[in-house]
Amino acid sequence: MGRKAKTAVHGMKKKDVTVTLTPEGVEMLDIKANLLGISRSELIERIARGQVTSDSEAKRMGELLRT
């Protein structure tokens, strides 16, 4: 059985990349992705596209922590 093609929400085929982070960096990435309800990959995608800013991210995380 072949490998399933990865498609992004953004309508393009995904490309595998390797990112090297410290254990603390991975933990922070996971926390932020979990709070936003998205995967690590999607969080990195949004950061690269400028769709996650510190202000909007902080506001969203604050809303999630209050619930």
C-alpha atoms as a PDB file:
ATOM      1  CA  MET A   1       0.000   0.000   0.000  1.00  0.00           C
ATOM      2  CA  GLY A   2       1.435   3.406  -0.992  1.00  0.00           C
ATOM      3  CA  ARG A   3       1.904   6.372   1.230  1.00  0.00           C
ATOM      4  CA  LYS A   4      -1.126   8.643   1.553  1.00  0.00           C
ATOM      5  CA  ALA A   5      -0.636  12.024  -0.104  1.00  0.00           C
ATOM      6  CA  LYS A   6      -0.544  14.884   2.388  1.00  0.00           C
ATOM      7  CA  THR A   7      -2.717  17.848   1.541  1.00  0.00           C
ATOM      8  CA  ALA A   8      -2.826  21.097   3.430  1.00  0.00           C
ATOM      9  CA  VAL A   9      -5.861  23.068   4.398  1.00  0.00           C
ATOM     10  CA  HIS A  10      -4.359  25.661   2.091  1.00  0.00           C
ATOM     11  CA  GLY A  11      -5.019  23.518  -0.988  1.00  0.00           C
ATOM     12  CA  MET A  12      -1.457  22.481  -1.741  1.00  0.00           C
ATOM     13  CA  LYS A  13       0.431  19.236  -1.408  1.00  0.00           C
ATOM     14  CA  LYS A  14       2.559  19.218   1.743  1.00  0.00           C
ATOM     15  CA  LYS A  15       6.305  18.724   1.733  1.00  0.00           C
ATOM     16  CA  ASP A  16       8.156  16.900   4.511  1.00  0.00           C
ATOM     17  CA  VAL A  17      10.713  19.015   6.368  1.00  0.00           C
ATOM     18  CA  THR A  18      12.825  18.443   9.446  1.00  0.00           C
ATOM     19  CA  VAL A  19      12.916  20.993  12.237  1.00  0.00           C
ATOM     20  CA  THR A  20      15.312  20.699  15.153  1.00  0.00           C
ATOM     21  CA  LEU A  21      14.197  22.203  18.455  1.00  0.00           C
ATOM     22  CA  THR A  22      15.250  22.031  22.072  1.00  0.00           C
ATOM     23  CA  PRO A  23      13.034  19.933  24.354  1.00  0.00           C
ATOM     24  CA  GLU A  24      11.646  23.192  25.783  1.00  0.00           C
ATOM     25  CA  GLY A  25      10.903  24.447  22.267  1.00  0.00           C
ATOM     26  CA  VAL A  26       8.984  21.263  21.442  1.00  0.00           C
ATOM     27  CA  GLU A  27       7.035  21.570  24.680  1.00  0.00           C
ATOM     28  CA  MET A  28       6.092  25.186  23.939  1.00  0.00           C
ATOM     29  CA  LEU A  29       5.125  24.315  20.371  1.00  0.00           C
ATOM     30  CA  ASP A  30       2.904  21.497  21.634  1.00  0.00           C
ATOM     31  CA  ILE A  31       1.273  23.716  24.266  1.00  0.00           C
ATOM     32  CA  LYS A  32       0.492  26.437  21.726  1.00  0.00           C
ATOM     33  CA  ALA A  33      -0.792  23.978  19.131  1.00  0.00           C
ATOM     34  CA  ASN A  34      -2.978  22.223  21.713  1.00  0.00           C
ATOM     35  CA  LEU A  35      -4.408  25.507  22.981  1.00  0.00           C
ATOM     36  CA  LEU A  36      -5.269  26.514  19.425  1.00  0.00           C
ATOM     37  CA  GLY A  37      -6.663  23.057  18.633  1.00  0.00           C
ATOM     38  CA  ILE A  38      -4.293  22.458  15.717  1.00  0.00           C
ATOM     39  CA  SER A  39      -1.316  20.235  14.933  1.00  0.00           C
ATOM     40  CA  ARG A  40       2.327  21.236  15.265  1.00  0.00           C
ATOM     41  CA  SER A  41       2.536  21.232  11.501  1.00  0.00           C
ATOM     42  CA  GLU A  42      -0.440  23.555  11.096  1.00  0.00           C
ATOM     43  CA  LEU A  43       0.925  25.925  13.755  1.00  0.00           C
ATOM     44  CA  ILE A  44       4.251  26.167  11.904  1.00  0.00           C
ATOM     45  CA  GLU A  45       2.366  26.661   8.615  1.00  0.00           C
ATOM     46  CA  ARG A  46       0.348  29.524  10.088  1.00  0.00           C
ATOM     47  CA  ILE A  47       3.460  31.147  11.579  1.00  0.00           C
ATOM     48  CA  ALA A  48       5.187  30.945   8.180  1.00  0.00           C
ATOM     49  CA  ARG A  49       2.155  32.515   6.491  1.00  0.00           C
ATOM     50  CA  GLY A  50       1.960  35.296   9.070  1.00  0.00           C
ATOM     51  CA  GLN A  51      -1.427  34.059  10.257  1.00  0.00           C
ATOM     52  CA  VAL A  52      -0.347  33.701  13.882  1.00  0.00           C
ATOM     53  CA  THR A  53       0.896  36.840  15.539  1.00  0.00           C
ATOM     54  CA  SER A  54       1.867  37.212  19.136  1.00  0.00           C
ATOM     55  CA  ASP A  55      -1.183  39.434  19.798  1.00  0.00           C
ATOM     56  CA  SER A  56      -3.766  37.157  18.180  1.00  0.00           C
ATOM     57  CA  GLU A  57      -2.135  34.084  19.669  1.00  0.00           C
ATOM     58  CA  ALA A  58      -2.083  35.580  23.170  1.00  0.00           C
ATOM     59  CA  LYS A  59      -5.728  36.622  22.879  1.00  0.00           C
ATOM     60  CA  ARG A  60      -6.825  33.179  21.680  1.00  0.00           C
ATOM     61  CA  MET A  61      -4.827  31.381  24.372  1.00  0.00           C
ATOM     62  CA  GLY A  62      -6.281  33.685  27.013  1.00  0.00           C
ATOM     63  CA  GLU A  63      -9.800  32.867  25.816  1.00  0.00           C
ATOM     64  CA  LEU A  64      -9.081  29.140  25.932  1.00  0.00           C
ATOM     65  CA  LEU A  65      -7.574  29.320  29.409  1.00  0.00           C
ATOM     66  CA  ARG A  66     -10.681  31.127  30.735  1.00  0.00           C
ATOM     67  CA  THR A  67     -13.028  28.363  29.516  1.00  0.00           C
END
